[in-house]
């Protein structure tokens, strides 16, 4: 089974608020989620609203490079 031509790929989503706070060392960690997206239908970076346990609220989580 070929792995290079698959339409669905695994992506990592990272909290945008924690990344900004990590510079100031205020946050104890960075919230990350793993999900899948269809490469052909969504060629741009994925952004979803997810719950961040470090910010203790729903924030935007953006796709990062592996």
Protein backbone atom coordinates (compact mmCIF):
# COMPACT_ATOMS: atom_id res chain seq x y z
CA UNK A 1 0.00 0.00 0.00
CA UNK A 2 1.48 3.33 -1.08
CA UNK A 3 1.68 6.03 1.58
CA UNK A 4 2.78 8.98 -0.57
CA UNK A 5 -0.42 9.39 -2.64
CA UNK A 6 -3.01 9.26 0.15
CA UNK A 7 -5.46 12.16 0.27
CA UNK A 8 -5.83 12.10 4.07
CA UNK A 9 -2.82 13.21 6.11
CA UNK A 10 -2.22 13.58 9.83
CA UNK A 11 -1.77 17.15 11.12
CA UNK A 12 -0.88 18.63 14.51
CA UNK A 13 -2.92 21.57 15.85
CA UNK A 14 -1.27 23.90 18.38
CA UNK A 15 -2.90 26.58 20.55
CA UNK A 16 -2.18 30.08 19.23
CA UNK A 17 -2.65 31.72 22.66
CA UNK A 18 -0.19 29.44 24.46
CA UNK A 19 2.47 30.06 21.81
CA UNK A 20 2.26 33.81 22.44
CA UNK A 21 2.30 33.36 26.22
CA UNK A 22 5.20 30.88 26.06
CA UNK A 23 7.52 33.75 25.10
CA UNK A 24 6.69 35.42 28.44
CA UNK A 25 6.96 32.07 30.31
CA UNK A 26 3.46 32.59 31.77
CA UNK A 27 2.03 29.33 30.41
CA UNK A 28 2.91 25.92 31.96
CA UNK A 29 2.67 24.20 28.55
CA UNK A 30 1.29 24.21 25.02
CA UNK A 31 -1.97 22.50 24.07
CA UNK A 32 -1.71 20.23 21.01
CA UNK A 33 -4.24 18.07 19.18
CA UNK A 34 -3.73 15.49 16.43
CA UNK A 35 -6.31 15.19 13.65
CA UNK A 36 -6.62 14.35 9.96
CA UNK A 37 -7.42 16.48 6.93
CA UNK A 38 -7.98 15.84 3.25
CA UNK A 39 -5.01 17.27 1.35
CA UNK A 40 -7.01 17.79 -1.87
CA UNK A 41 -10.04 19.55 -0.30
CA UNK A 42 -8.09 21.66 2.21
CA UNK A 43 -4.68 22.66 0.79
CA UNK A 44 -4.30 25.63 3.17
CA UNK A 45 -3.45 25.40 6.86
CA UNK A 46 -6.23 24.14 9.09
CA UNK A 47 -7.55 26.22 12.04
CA UNK A 48 -10.12 24.87 14.51
CA UNK A 49 -11.53 26.11 17.80
CA UNK A 50 -10.58 23.62 20.51
CA UNK A 51 -10.40 23.63 24.31
CA UNK A 52 -7.00 24.51 25.76
CA UNK A 53 -6.46 23.09 29.27
CA UNK A 54 -3.60 25.55 29.92
CA UNK A 55 -5.59 28.69 28.98
CA UNK A 56 -8.73 27.03 30.42
CA UNK A 57 -10.91 28.29 27.54
CA UNK A 58 -11.74 27.60 23.90
CA UNK A 59 -9.08 29.07 21.60
CA UNK A 60 -8.01 28.82 17.98
CA UNK A 61 -5.64 25.95 17.28
CA UNK A 62 -3.63 26.22 14.07
CA UNK A 63 -1.80 23.60 12.03
CA UNK A 64 1.98 23.41 12.54
CA UNK A 65 4.76 21.73 10.58
CA UNK A 66 5.85 18.26 11.64
